[in-house]
């Protein structure tokens, strides 16, 4: 069963650290139609100063992802890859991991258990 944070979808986005040339961004809550544009805007802002951004997206506390969120992850992956950067998704579990697995994207995107694995 999906845990609802409130009546409206919420997504908290925090740029946490720089680690060995990688930027770690943690997202918490729900990545869906209402919140996906905020993630895209956040990452776009990071790429303005670092076009070859190497980004670890920590999704350990992501509770839900819909098709719009999935499309945003694919778009970010393509944008970073084409610009010489890289996107690695870490900490996926539950419904978001199930969605990526069912759609076949788990094998196409860069997934790792944690940020340490992603940056080495």
PDB file of N, CA and C in Angstrom:
ATOM      1  N   UNK A   1       0.839  -1.179   0.000  1.00  0.00           N
ATOM      2  CA  UNK A   1       0.000   0.000   0.000  1.00  0.00           C
ATOM      3  C   UNK A   1       0.881   1.238   0.000  1.00  0.00           C
ATOM      4  N   UNK A   2       0.492   2.238  -0.750  1.00  0.00           N
ATOM      5  CA  UNK A   2       1.252   3.474  -0.863  1.00  0.00           C
ATOM      6  C   UNK A   2       0.981   4.382   0.328  1.00  0.00           C
ATOM      7  N   UNK A   3       2.048   4.924   0.913  1.00  0.00           N
ATOM      8  CA  UNK A   3       1.904   5.867   2.006  1.00  0.00           C
ATOM      9  C   UNK A   3       1.729   7.261   1.421  1.00  0.00           C
ATOM     10  N   UNK A   4       0.681   7.947   1.812  1.00  0.00           N
ATOM     11  CA  UNK A   4       0.416   9.286   1.309  1.00  0.00           C
ATOM     12  C   UNK A   4       0.972  10.279   2.314  1.00  0.00           C
ATOM     13  N   UNK A   5       1.838  11.185   1.831  1.00  0.00           N
ATOM     14  CA  UNK A   5       2.424  12.184   2.718  1.00  0.00           C
ATOM     15  C   UNK A   5       1.411  13.246   3.104  1.00  0.00           C
ATOM     16  N   UNK A   6       0.572  13.598   2.192  1.00  0.00           N
ATOM     17  CA  UNK A   6      -0.483  14.565   2.441  1.00  0.00           C
ATOM     18  C   UNK A   6      -1.473  14.462   1.301  1.00  0.00           C
ATOM     19  N   UNK A   7      -2.446  15.338   1.287  1.00  0.00           N
ATOM     20  CA  UNK A   7      -3.413  15.328   0.207  1.00  0.00           C
ATOM     21  C   UNK A   7      -2.737  15.639  -1.128  1.00  0.00           C
ATOM     22  N   UNK A   8      -1.689  16.429  -1.100  1.00  0.00           N
ATOM     23  CA  UNK A   8      -0.963  16.807  -2.308  1.00  0.00           C
ATOM     24  C   UNK A   8       0.399  16.135  -2.299  1.00  0.00           C
ATOM     25  N   UNK A   9       0.837  15.728  -3.466  1.00  0.00           N
ATOM     26  CA  UNK A   9       2.140  15.067  -3.573  1.00  0.00           C
ATOM     27  C   UNK A   9       3.244  16.021  -3.127  1.00  0.00           C
ATOM     28  N   UNK A  10       4.232  15.465  -2.466  1.00  0.00           N
ATOM     29  CA  UNK A  10       5.351  16.262  -1.984  1.00  0.00           C
ATOM     30  C   UNK A  10       6.651  15.614  -2.423  1.00  0.00           C
ATOM     31  N   UNK A  11       7.620  16.456  -2.698  1.00  0.00           N
ATOM     32  CA  UNK A  11       8.953  15.980  -3.017  1.00  0.00           C
ATOM     33  C   UNK A  11       9.944  16.955  -2.417  1.00  0.00           C
ATOM     34  N   UNK A  12      10.829  16.428  -1.597  1.00  0.00           N
ATOM     35  CA  UNK A  12      11.897  17.231  -1.018  1.00  0.00           C
ATOM     36  C   UNK A  12      13.166  16.905  -1.797  1.00  0.00           C
ATOM     37  N   UNK A  13      13.870  17.926  -2.262  1.00  0.00           N
ATOM     38  CA  UNK A  13      15.080  17.748  -3.059  1.00  0.00           C
ATOM     39  C   UNK A  13      16.207  18.487  -2.356  1.00  0.00           C
ATOM     40  N   UNK A  14      17.273  17.758  -2.048  1.00  0.00           N
ATOM     41  CA  UNK A  14      18.408  18.378  -1.353  1.00  0.00           C
ATOM     42  C   UNK A  14      19.718  17.958  -1.992  1.00  0.00           C
ATOM     43  N   UNK A  15      20.497  18.953  -2.392  1.00  0.00           N
ATOM     44  CA  UNK A  15      21.850  18.666  -2.848  1.00  0.00           C
ATOM     45  C   UNK A  15      22.670  18.486  -1.591  1.00  0.00           C
ATOM     46  N   UNK A  16      23.195  17.273  -1.401  1.00  0.00           N
ATOM     47  CA  UNK A  16      23.846  16.951  -0.141  1.00  0.00           C
ATOM     48  C   UNK A  16      25.344  17.180  -0.146  1.00  0.00           C
ATOM     49  N   UNK A  17      26.037  16.551  -1.045  1.00  0.00           N
ATOM     50  CA  UNK A  17      27.493  16.576  -0.960  1.00  0.00           C
ATOM     51  C   UNK A  17      28.123  16.534  -2.335  1.00  0.00           C
ATOM     52  N   UNK A  18      29.369  16.862  -2.337  1.00  0.00           N
ATOM     53  CA  UNK A  18      30.241  16.609  -3.480  1.00  0.00           C
ATOM     54  C   UNK A  18      31.158  15.487  -3.031  1.00  0.00           C
ATOM     55  N   UNK A  19      31.248  14.426  -3.823  1.00  0.00           N
ATOM     56  CA  UNK A  19      32.079  13.289  -3.447  1.00  0.00           C
ATOM     57  C   UNK A  19      32.863  12.837  -4.670  1.00  0.00           C
ATOM     58  N   UNK A  20      34.180  13.019  -4.639  1.00  0.00           N
ATOM     59  CA  UNK A  20      35.048  12.564  -5.720  1.00  0.00           C
ATOM     60  C   UNK A  20      34.572  13.041  -7.089  1.00  0.00           C
ATOM     61  N   UNK A  21      34.156  14.297  -7.173  1.00  0.00           N
ATOM     62  CA  UNK A  21      33.692  14.855  -8.437  1.00  0.00           C
ATOM     63  C   UNK A  21      32.237  14.558  -8.765  1.00  0.00           C
ATOM     64  N   UNK A  22      31.532  13.895  -7.876  1.00  0.00           N
ATOM     65  CA  UNK A  22      30.122  13.576  -8.058  1.00  0.00           C
ATOM     66  C   UNK A  22      29.279  14.470  -7.162  1.00  0.00           C
ATOM     67  N   UNK A  23      28.145  14.905  -7.646  1.00  0.00           N
ATOM     68  CA  UNK A  23      27.180  15.639  -6.846  1.00  0.00           C
ATOM     69  C   UNK A  23      26.109  14.651  -6.398  1.00  0.00           C
ATOM     70  N   UNK A  24      25.816  14.640  -5.100  1.00  0.00           N
ATOM     71  CA  UNK A  24      24.802  13.736  -4.556  1.00  0.00           C
ATOM     72  C   UNK A  24      23.559  14.560  -4.218  1.00  0.00           C
ATOM     73  N   UNK A  25      22.429  14.183  -4.822  1.00  0.00           N
ATOM     74  CA  UNK A  25      21.145  14.833  -4.566  1.00  0.00           C
ATOM     75  C   UNK A  25      20.207  13.784  -4.000  1.00  0.00           C
ATOM     76  N   UNK A  26      19.604  14.089  -2.868  1.00  0.00           N
ATOM     77  CA  UNK A  26      18.663  13.160  -2.216  1.00  0.00           C
ATOM     78  C   UNK A  26      17.242  13.658  -2.450  1.00  0.00           C
ATOM     79  N   UNK A  27      16.391  12.743  -2.902  1.00  0.00           N
ATOM     80  CA  UNK A  27      14.984  13.091  -3.066  1.00  0.00           C
ATOM     81  C   UNK A  27      14.151  12.237  -2.112  1.00  0.00           C
ATOM     82  N   UNK A  28      13.148  12.878  -1.521  1.00  0.00           N
ATOM     83  CA  UNK A  28      12.290  12.246  -0.529  1.00  0.00           C
ATOM     84  C   UNK A  28      10.837  12.528  -0.882  1.00  0.00           C
ATOM     85  N   UNK A  29      10.003  11.512  -0.817  1.00  0.00           N
ATOM     86  CA  UNK A  29       8.576  11.714  -1.045  1.00  0.00           C
ATOM     87  C   UNK A  29       8.088  11.005  -2.279  1.00  0.00           C
ATOM     88  N   UNK A  30       7.433  11.755  -3.174  1.00  0.00           N
ATOM     89  CA  UNK A  30       6.808  11.192  -4.355  1.00  0.00           C
ATOM     90  C   UNK A  30       7.290  11.914  -5.610  1.00  0.00           C
ATOM     91  N   UNK A  31       7.660  11.140  -6.617  1.00  0.00           N
ATOM     92  CA  UNK A  31       8.074  11.692  -7.906  1.00  0.00           C
ATOM     93  C   UNK A  31       6.948  11.380  -8.891  1.00  0.00           C
ATOM     94  N   UNK A  32       6.151  12.401  -9.197  1.00  0.00           N
ATOM     95  CA  UNK A  32       4.970  12.184 -10.021  1.00  0.00           C
ATOM     96  C   UNK A  32       4.670  13.415 -10.866  1.00  0.00           C
ATOM     97  N   UNK A  33       3.499  13.423 -11.474  1.00  0.00           N
ATOM     98  CA  UNK A  33       3.097  14.507 -12.361  1.00  0.00           C
ATOM     99  C   UNK A  33       3.247  15.880 -11.700  1.00  0.00           C
ATOM    100  N   UNK A  34       2.917  15.967 -10.433  1.00  0.00           N
ATOM    101  CA  UNK A  34       2.962  17.250  -9.729  1.00  0.00           C
ATOM    102  C   UNK A  34       4.376  17.666  -9.335  1.00  0.00           C
ATOM    103  N   UNK A  35       5.269  16.705  -9.106  1.00  0.00           N
ATOM    104  CA  UNK A  35       6.579  17.043  -8.541  1.00  0.00           C
ATOM    105  C   UNK A  35       7.752  16.871  -9.498  1.00  0.00           C
ATOM    106  N   UNK A  36       7.582  16.075 -10.550  1.00  0.00           N
ATOM    107  CA  UNK A  36       8.690  15.809 -11.474  1.00  0.00           C
ATOM    108  C   UNK A  36       9.295  17.076 -12.078  1.00  0.00           C
ATOM    109  N   UNK A  37       8.492  18.093 -12.430  1.00  0.00           N
ATOM    110  CA  UNK A  37       9.108  19.315 -12.968  1.00  0.00           C
ATOM    111  C   UNK A  37      10.086  19.989 -12.004  1.00  0.00           C
ATOM    112  N   UNK A  38       9.847  19.859 -10.706  1.00  0.00           N
ATOM    113  CA  UNK A  38      10.768  20.438  -9.724  1.00  0.00           C
ATOM    114  C   UNK A  38      12.118  19.738  -9.752  1.00  0.00           C
ATOM    115  N   UNK A  39      12.111  18.398  -9.903  1.00  0.00           N
ATOM    116  CA  UNK A  39      13.374  17.673  -9.980  1.00  0.00           C
ATOM    117  C   UNK A  39      14.124  18.076 -11.245  1.00  0.00           C
ATOM    118  N   UNK A  40      13.414  18.145 -12.353  1.00  0.00           N
ATOM    119  CA  UNK A  40      14.051  18.530 -13.612  1.00  0.00           C
ATOM    120  C   UNK A  40      14.641  19.941 -13.513  1.00  0.00           C
ATOM    121  N   UNK A  41      13.914  20.850 -12.910  1.00  0.00           N
ATOM    122  CA  UNK A  41      14.400  22.215 -12.724  1.00  0.00           C
ATOM    123  C   UNK A  41      15.640  22.246 -11.829  1.00  0.00           C
ATOM    124  N   UNK A  42      15.640  21.465 -10.784  1.00  0.00           N
ATOM    125  CA  UNK A  42      16.773  21.417  -9.856  1.00  0.00           C
ATOM    126  C   UNK A  42      18.038  20.923 -10.570  1.00  0.00           C
ATOM    127  N   UNK A  43      17.898  19.831 -11.303  1.00  0.00           N
ATOM    128  CA  UNK A  43      19.055  19.275 -12.011  1.00  0.00           C
ATOM    129  C   UNK A  43      19.512  20.219 -13.119  1.00  0.00           C
ATOM    130  N   UNK A  44      18.576  20.852 -13.804  1.00  0.00           N
ATOM    131  CA  UNK A  44      18.941  21.830 -14.833  1.00  0.00           C
ATOM    132  C   UNK A  44      19.756  22.956 -14.222  1.00  0.00           C
ATOM    133  N   UNK A  45      19.359  23.412 -13.045  1.00  0.00           N
ATOM    134  CA  UNK A  45      20.116  24.454 -12.354  1.00  0.00           C
ATOM    135  C   UNK A  45      21.541  24.016 -12.043  1.00  0.00           C
ATOM    136  N   UNK A  46      21.708  22.757 -11.664  1.00  0.00           N
ATOM    137  CA  UNK A  46      23.053  22.248 -11.378  1.00  0.00           C
ATOM    138  C   UNK A  46      23.907  22.183 -12.646  1.00  0.00           C
ATOM    139  N   UNK A  47      23.283  21.868 -13.777  1.00  0.00           N
ATOM    140  CA  UNK A  47      24.050  21.730 -15.020  1.00  0.00           C
ATOM    141  C   UNK A  47      24.424  23.075 -15.633  1.00  0.00           C
ATOM    142  N   UNK A  48      23.810  24.149 -15.180  1.00  0.00           N
ATOM    143  CA  UNK A  48      24.168  25.468 -15.710  1.00  0.00           C
ATOM    144  C   UNK A  48      25.618  25.813 -15.406  1.00  0.00           C
ATOM    145  N   UNK A  49      26.084  25.429 -14.236  1.00  0.00           N
ATOM    146  CA  UNK A  49      27.477  25.708 -13.862  1.00  0.00           C
ATOM    147  C   UNK A  49      28.392  24.514 -14.117  1.00  0.00           C
ATOM    148  N   UNK A  50      27.806  23.336 -14.294  1.00  0.00           N
ATOM    149  CA  UNK A  50      28.590  22.120 -14.546  1.00  0.00           C
ATOM    150  C   UNK A  50      27.922  21.300 -15.645  1.00  0.00           C
ATOM    151  N   UNK A  51      28.179  21.647 -16.906  1.00  0.00           N
ATOM    152  CA  UNK A  51      27.511  20.934 -17.997  1.00  0.00           C
ATOM    153  C   UNK A  51      27.844  19.446 -18.061  1.00  0.00           C
ATOM    154  N   UNK A  52      28.976  19.042 -17.537  1.00  0.00           N
ATOM    155  CA  UNK A  52      29.351  17.625 -17.533  1.00  0.00           C
ATOM    156  C   UNK A  52      29.128  17.027 -16.142  1.00  0.00           C
ATOM    157  N   UNK A  53      28.026  17.392 -15.553  1.00  0.00           N
ATOM    158  CA  UNK A  53      27.664  16.969 -14.201  1.00  0.00           C
ATOM    159  C   UNK A  53      27.632  15.456 -14.067  1.00  0.00           C
ATOM    160  N   UNK A  54      28.284  14.963 -13.018  1.00  0.00           N
ATOM    161  CA  UNK A  54      28.171  13.559 -12.629  1.00  0.00           C
ATOM    162  C   UNK A  54      27.302  13.544 -11.380  1.00  0.00           C
ATOM    163  N   UNK A  55      26.097  13.000 -11.528  1.00  0.00           N
ATOM    164  CA  UNK A  55      25.060  13.116 -10.505  1.00  0.00           C
ATOM    165  C   UNK A  55      24.668  11.762  -9.945  1.00  0.00           C
ATOM    166  N   UNK A  56      24.688  11.670  -8.618  1.00  0.00           N
ATOM    167  CA  UNK A  56      24.124  10.527  -7.907  1.00  0.00           C
ATOM    168  C   UNK A  56      22.787  10.996  -7.358  1.00  0.00           C
ATOM    169  N   UNK A  57      21.719  10.341  -7.785  1.00  0.00           N
ATOM    170  CA  UNK A  57      20.390  10.661  -7.295  1.00  0.00           C
ATOM    171  C   UNK A  57      20.020   9.613  -6.247  1.00  0.00           C
ATOM    172  N   UNK A  58      20.069  10.022  -4.977  1.00  0.00           N
ATOM    173  CA  UNK A  58      19.788   9.120  -3.863  1.00  0.00           C
ATOM    174  C   UNK A  58      18.280   9.046  -3.672  1.00  0.00           C
ATOM    175  N   UNK A  59      17.727   7.885  -3.966  1.00  0.00           N
ATOM    176  CA  UNK A  59      16.279   7.685  -3.932  1.00  0.00           C
ATOM    177  C   UNK A  59      15.864   6.778  -2.770  1.00  0.00           C
ATOM    178  N   UNK A  60      16.712   6.688  -1.753  1.00  0.00           N
ATOM    179  CA  UNK A  60      16.460   5.827  -0.606  1.00  0.00           C
ATOM    180  C   UNK A  60      15.126   6.146   0.059  1.00  0.00           C
ATOM    181  N   UNK A  61      14.759   7.416   0.100  1.00  0.00           N
ATOM    182  CA  UNK A  61      13.530   7.824   0.775  1.00  0.00           C
ATOM    183  C   UNK A  61      12.408   8.176  -0.195  1.00  0.00           C
ATOM    184  N   UNK A  62      12.544   7.744  -1.454  1.00  0.00           N
ATOM    185  CA  UNK A  62      11.467   7.943  -2.420  1.00  0.00           C
ATOM    186  C   UNK A  62      10.417   6.869  -2.189  1.00  0.00           C
ATOM    187  N   UNK A  63       9.189   7.288  -1.979  1.00  0.00           N
ATOM    188  CA  UNK A  63       8.116   6.348  -1.657  1.00  0.00           C
ATOM    189  C   UNK A  63       7.279   5.957  -2.863  1.00  0.00           C
ATOM    190  N   UNK A  64       7.222   6.803  -3.881  1.00  0.00           N
ATOM    191  CA  UNK A  64       6.342   6.550  -5.012  1.00  0.00           C
ATOM    192  C   UNK A  64       6.889   7.230  -6.254  1.00  0.00           C
ATOM    193  N   UNK A  65       6.709   6.572  -7.393  1.00  0.00           N
ATOM    194  CA  UNK A  65       7.083   7.144  -8.685  1.00  0.00           C
ATOM    195  C   UNK A  65       6.040   6.719  -9.708  1.00  0.00           C
ATOM    196  N   UNK A  66       5.531   7.687 -10.486  1.00  0.00           N
ATOM    197  CA  UNK A  66       4.586   7.342 -11.536  1.00  0.00           C
ATOM    198  C   UNK A  66       5.273   7.451 -12.900  1.00  0.00           C
ATOM    199  N   UNK A  67       4.506   7.308 -13.968  1.00  0.00           N
ATOM    200  CA  UNK A  67       5.094   7.317 -15.309  1.00  0.00           C
ATOM    201  C   UNK A  67       5.725   8.664 -15.652  1.00  0.00           C
ATOM    202  N   UNK A  68       5.204   9.745 -15.134  1.00  0.00           N
ATOM    203  CA  UNK A  68       5.812  11.057 -15.375  1.00  0.00           C
ATOM    204  C   UNK A  68       7.172  11.133 -14.688  1.00  0.00           C
ATOM    205  N   UNK A  69       7.249  10.643 -13.471  1.00  0.00           N
ATOM    206  CA  UNK A  69       8.532  10.604 -12.761  1.00  0.00           C
ATOM    207  C   UNK A  69       9.531   9.733 -13.495  1.00  0.00           C
ATOM    208  N   UNK A  70       9.058   8.612 -13.986  1.00  0.00           N
ATOM    209  CA  UNK A  70       9.912   7.702 -14.756  1.00  0.00           C
ATOM    210  C   UNK A  70      10.427   8.389 -16.012  1.00  0.00           C
ATOM    211  N   UNK A  71       9.541   9.080 -16.717  1.00  0.00           N
ATOM    212  CA  UNK A  71       9.946   9.824 -17.913  1.00  0.00           C
ATOM    213  C   UNK A  71      10.973  10.894 -17.595  1.00  0.00           C
ATOM    214  N   UNK A  72      10.838  11.527 -16.450  1.00  0.00           N
ATOM    215  CA  UNK A  72      11.799  12.548 -16.031  1.00  0.00           C
ATOM    216  C   UNK A  72      13.164  11.928 -15.779  1.00  0.00           C
ATOM    217  N   UNK A  73      13.202  10.771 -15.131  1.00  0.00           N
ATOM    218  CA  UNK A  73      14.479  10.091 -14.885  1.00  0.00           C
ATOM    219  C   UNK A  73      15.156   9.717 -16.204  1.00  0.00           C
ATOM    220  N   UNK A  74      14.384   9.221 -17.159  1.00  0.00           N
ATOM    221  CA  UNK A  74      14.945   8.864 -18.468  1.00  0.00           C
ATOM    222  C   UNK A  74      15.464  10.111 -19.177  1.00  0.00           C
ATOM    223  N   UNK A  75      14.693  11.196 -19.136  1.00  0.00           N
ATOM    224  CA  UNK A  75      15.119  12.445 -19.785  1.00  0.00           C
ATOM    225  C   UNK A  75      16.392  12.991 -19.156  1.00  0.00           C
ATOM    226  N   UNK A  76      16.486  12.946 -17.823  1.00  0.00           N
ATOM    227  CA  UNK A  76      17.697  13.415 -17.144  1.00  0.00           C
ATOM    228  C   UNK A  76      18.889  12.552 -17.513  1.00  0.00           C
ATOM    229  N   UNK A  77      18.671  11.244 -17.566  1.00  0.00           N
ATOM    230  CA  UNK A  77      19.743  10.321 -17.952  1.00  0.00           C
ATOM    231  C   UNK A  77      20.257  10.665 -19.352  1.00  0.00           C
ATOM    232  N   UNK A  78      19.343  10.836 -20.282  1.00  0.00           N
ATOM    233  CA  UNK A  78      19.738  11.154 -21.664  1.00  0.00           C
ATOM    234  C   UNK A  78      20.451  12.495 -21.748  1.00  0.00           C
ATOM    235  N   UNK A  79      19.923  13.507 -21.054  1.00  0.00           N
ATOM    236  CA  UNK A  79      20.523  14.843 -21.110  1.00  0.00           C
ATOM    237  C   UNK A  79      21.938  14.838 -20.544  1.00  0.00           C
ATOM    238  N   UNK A  80      22.114  14.219 -19.388  1.00  0.00           N
ATOM    239  CA  UNK A  80      23.447  14.189 -18.781  1.00  0.00           C
ATOM    240  C   UNK A  80      24.407  13.375 -19.634  1.00  0.00           C
ATOM    241  N   UNK A  81      23.953  12.235 -20.131  1.00  0.00           N
ATOM    242  CA  UNK A  81      24.800  11.374 -20.949  1.00  0.00           C
ATOM    243  C   UNK A  81      25.236  12.074 -22.239  1.00  0.00           C
ATOM    244  N   UNK A  82      24.324  12.754 -22.888  1.00  0.00           N
ATOM    245  CA  UNK A  82      24.663  13.427 -24.144  1.00  0.00           C
ATOM    246  C   UNK A  82      25.577  14.625 -23.926  1.00  0.00           C
ATOM    247  N   UNK A  83      25.561  15.194 -22.722  1.00  0.00           N
ATOM    248  CA  UNK A  83      26.420  16.334 -22.408  1.00  0.00           C
ATOM    249  C   UNK A  83      27.757  15.954 -21.807  1.00  0.00           C
ATOM    250  N   UNK A  84      28.042  14.651 -21.736  1.00  0.00           N
ATOM    251  CA  UNK A  84      29.302  14.206 -21.170  1.00  0.00           C
ATOM    252  C   UNK A  84      29.254  13.957 -19.678  1.00  0.00           C
ATOM    253  N   UNK A  85      28.068  14.052 -19.090  1.00  0.00           N
ATOM    254  CA  UNK A  85      27.912  13.787 -17.665  1.00  0.00           C
ATOM    255  C   UNK A  85      27.429  12.369 -17.441  1.00  0.00           C
ATOM    256  N   UNK A  86      26.920  12.142 -16.247  1.00  0.00           N
ATOM    257  CA  UNK A  86      26.443  10.798 -15.906  1.00  0.00           C
ATOM    258  C   UNK A  86      25.414  10.894 -14.800  1.00  0.00           C
ATOM    259  N   UNK A  87      24.430  10.003 -14.832  1.00  0.00           N
ATOM    260  CA  UNK A  87      23.418   9.903 -13.791  1.00  0.00           C
ATOM    261  C   UNK A  87      23.422   8.486 -13.252  1.00  0.00           C
ATOM    262  N   UNK A  88      23.515   8.366 -11.918  1.00  0.00           N
ATOM    263  CA  UNK A  88      23.429   7.069 -11.254  1.00  0.00           C
ATOM    264  C   UNK A  88      22.324   7.174 -10.200  1.00  0.00           C
ATOM    265  N   UNK A  89      21.409   6.209 -10.216  1.00  0.00           N
ATOM    266  CA  UNK A  89      20.313   6.157  -9.252  1.00  0.00           C
ATOM    267  C   UNK A  89      20.682   5.173  -8.151  1.00  0.00           C
ATOM    268  N   UNK A  90      20.548   5.597  -6.896  1.00  0.00           N
ATOM    269  CA  UNK A  90      20.899   4.717  -5.787  1.00  0.00           C
ATOM    270  C   UNK A  90      19.752   4.617  -4.786  1.00  0.00           C
ATOM    271  N   UNK A  91      19.745   3.509  -4.052  1.00  0.00           N
ATOM    272  CA  UNK A  91      18.809   3.328  -2.947  1.00  0.00           C
ATOM    273  C   UNK A  91      17.387   2.995  -3.366  1.00  0.00           C
ATOM    274  N   UNK A  92      17.185   2.618  -4.599  1.00  0.00           N
ATOM    275  CA  UNK A  92      15.831   2.287  -5.050  1.00  0.00           C
ATOM    276  C   UNK A  92      15.304   1.043  -4.354  1.00  0.00           C
ATOM    277  N   UNK A  93      14.045   1.093  -3.974  1.00  0.00           N
ATOM    278  CA  UNK A  93      13.393  -0.037  -3.329  1.00  0.00           C
ATOM    279  C   UNK A  93      11.882   0.128  -3.486  1.00  0.00           C
ATOM    280  N   UNK A  94      11.137  -0.869  -3.107  1.00  0.00           N
ATOM    281  CA  UNK A  94       9.677  -0.784  -3.106  1.00  0.00           C
ATOM    282  C   UNK A  94       9.090  -0.461  -4.475  1.00  0.00           C
ATOM    283  N   UNK A  95       8.045   0.330  -4.480  1.00  0.00           N
ATOM    284  CA  UNK A  95       7.297   0.638  -5.696  1.00  0.00           C
ATOM    285  C   UNK A  95       8.159   1.276  -6.782  1.00  0.00           C
ATOM    286  N   UNK A  96       9.039   2.259  -6.467  1.00  0.00           N
ATOM    287  CA  UNK A  96       9.859   2.833  -7.545  1.00  0.00           C
ATOM    288  C   UNK A  96      10.757   1.790  -8.231  1.00  0.00           C
ATOM    289  N   UNK A  97      11.371   0.907  -7.458  1.00  0.00           N
ATOM    290  CA  UNK A  97      12.208  -0.140  -8.049  1.00  0.00           C
ATOM    291  C   UNK A  97      11.360  -1.102  -8.858  1.00  0.00           C
ATOM    292  N   UNK A  98      10.204  -1.450  -8.342  1.00  0.00           N
ATOM    293  CA  UNK A  98       9.299  -2.347  -9.056  1.00  0.00           C
ATOM    294  C   UNK A  98       8.903  -1.744 -10.413  1.00  0.00           C
ATOM    295  N   UNK A  99       8.606  -0.448 -10.439  1.00  0.00           N
ATOM    296  CA  UNK A  99       8.240   0.229 -11.682  1.00  0.00           C
ATOM    297  C   UNK A  99       9.389   0.189 -12.690  1.00  0.00           C
ATOM    298  N   UNK A 100      10.592   0.488 -12.236  1.00  0.00           N
ATOM    299  CA  UNK A 100      11.757   0.448 -13.143  1.00  0.00           C
ATOM    300  C   UNK A 100      12.010  -0.961 -13.656  1.00  0.00           C
ATOM    301  N   UNK A 101      11.818  -1.946 -12.812  1.00  0.00           N
ATOM    302  CA  UNK A 101      12.034  -3.333 -13.216  1.00  0.00           C
ATOM    303  C   UNK A 101      10.969  -3.782 -14.215  1.00  0.00           C
ATOM    304  N   UNK A 102       9.714  -3.496 -13.940  1.00  0.00           N
ATOM    305  CA  UNK A 102       8.606  -3.912 -14.819  1.00  0.00           C
ATOM    306  C   UNK A 102       8.683  -3.267 -16.194  1.00  0.00           C
ATOM    307  N   UNK A 103       9.218  -2.054 -16.264  1.00  0.00           N
ATOM    308  CA  UNK A 103       9.300  -1.361 -17.551  1.00  0.00           C
ATOM    309  C   UNK A 103      10.581  -1.705 -18.313  1.00  0.00           C
ATOM    310  N   UNK A 104      11.485  -2.452 -17.678  1.00  0.00           N
ATOM    311  CA  UNK A 104      12.747  -2.802 -18.318  1.00  0.00           C
ATOM    312  C   UNK A 104      13.813  -1.726 -18.195  1.00  0.00           C
ATOM    313  N   UNK A 105      13.499  -0.633 -17.523  1.00  0.00           N
ATOM    314  CA  UNK A 105      14.461   0.468 -17.412  1.00  0.00           C
ATOM    315  C   UNK A 105      15.525   0.222 -16.356  1.00  0.00           C
ATOM    316  N   UNK A 106      15.292  -0.709 -15.443  1.00  0.00           N
ATOM    317  CA  UNK A 106      16.303  -1.015 -14.424  1.00  0.00           C
ATOM    318  C   UNK A 106      17.594  -1.486 -15.075  1.00  0.00           C
ATOM    319  N   UNK A 107      17.485  -2.162 -16.197  1.00  0.00           N
ATOM    320  CA  UNK A 107      18.685  -2.656 -16.884  1.00  0.00           C
ATOM    321  C   UNK A 107      19.286  -1.611 -17.827  1.00  0.00           C
ATOM    322  N   UNK A 108      18.571  -0.542 -18.086  1.00  0.00           N
ATOM    323  CA  UNK A 108      19.057   0.494 -19.013  1.00  0.00           C
ATOM    324  C   UNK A 108      19.622   1.717 -18.297  1.00  0.00           C
ATOM    325  N   UNK A 109      19.158   1.958 -17.072  1.00  0.00           N
ATOM    326  CA  UNK A 109      19.667   3.078 -16.286  1.00  0.00           C
ATOM    327  C   UNK A 109      20.763   2.564 -15.359  1.00  0.00           C
ATOM    328  N   UNK A 110      21.567   3.475 -14.852  1.00  0.00           N
ATOM    329  CA  UNK A 110      22.663   3.106 -13.957  1.00  0.00           C
ATOM    330  C   UNK A 110      22.130   3.037 -12.526  1.00  0.00           C
ATOM    331  N   UNK A 111      21.935   1.825 -12.016  1.00  0.00           N
ATOM    332  CA  UNK A 111      21.436   1.628 -10.657  1.00  0.00           C
ATOM    333  C   UNK A 111      22.539   1.053  -9.784  1.00  0.00           C
ATOM    334  N   UNK A 112      22.646   1.573  -8.568  1.00  0.00           N
ATOM    335  CA  UNK A 112      23.590   1.062  -7.585  1.00  0.00           C
ATOM    336  C   UNK A 112      22.892   1.014  -6.231  1.00  0.00           C
ATOM    337  N   UNK A 113      23.471   0.253  -5.337  1.00  0.00           N
ATOM    338  CA  UNK A 113      22.906   0.116  -3.986  1.00  0.00           C
ATOM    339  C   UNK A 113      22.994   1.425  -3.193  1.00  0.00           C
ATOM    340  N   UNK A 114      24.165   2.094  -3.257  1.00  0.00           N
ATOM    341  CA  UNK A 114      24.384   3.286  -2.445  1.00  0.00           C
ATOM    342  C   UNK A 114      25.354   4.235  -3.139  1.00  0.00           C
ATOM    343  N   UNK A 115      25.530   5.403  -2.554  1.00  0.00           N
ATOM    344  CA  UNK A 115      26.372   6.446  -3.161  1.00  0.00           C
ATOM    345  C   UNK A 115      27.833   6.029  -3.235  1.00  0.00           C
ATOM    346  N   UNK A 116      28.306   5.260  -2.266  1.00  0.00           N
ATOM    347  CA  UNK A 116      29.708   4.808  -2.301  1.00  0.00           C
ATOM    348  C   UNK A 116      29.965   3.963  -3.531  1.00  0.00           C
ATOM    349  N   UNK A 117      29.053   3.048  -3.853  1.00  0.00           N
ATOM    350  CA  UNK A 117      29.203   2.224  -5.053  1.00  0.00           C
ATOM    351  C   UNK A 117      29.131   3.069  -6.323  1.00  0.00           C
ATOM    352  N   UNK A 118      28.302   4.078  -6.294  1.00  0.00           N
ATOM    353  CA  UNK A 118      28.096   4.912  -7.487  1.00  0.00           C
ATOM    354  C   UNK A 118      29.319   5.752  -7.829  1.00  0.00           C
ATOM    355  N   UNK A 119      30.063   6.170  -6.821  1.00  0.00           N
ATOM    356  CA  UNK A 119      31.166   7.101  -7.052  1.00  0.00           C
ATOM    357  C   UNK A 119      32.520   6.406  -7.225  1.00  0.00           C
ATOM    358  N   UNK A 120      32.541   5.095  -7.183  1.00  0.00           N
ATOM    359  CA  UNK A 120      33.804   4.374  -7.362  1.00  0.00           C
ATOM    360  C   UNK A 120      33.798   3.504  -8.576  1.00  0.00           C
TER     361      UNK A 120
END
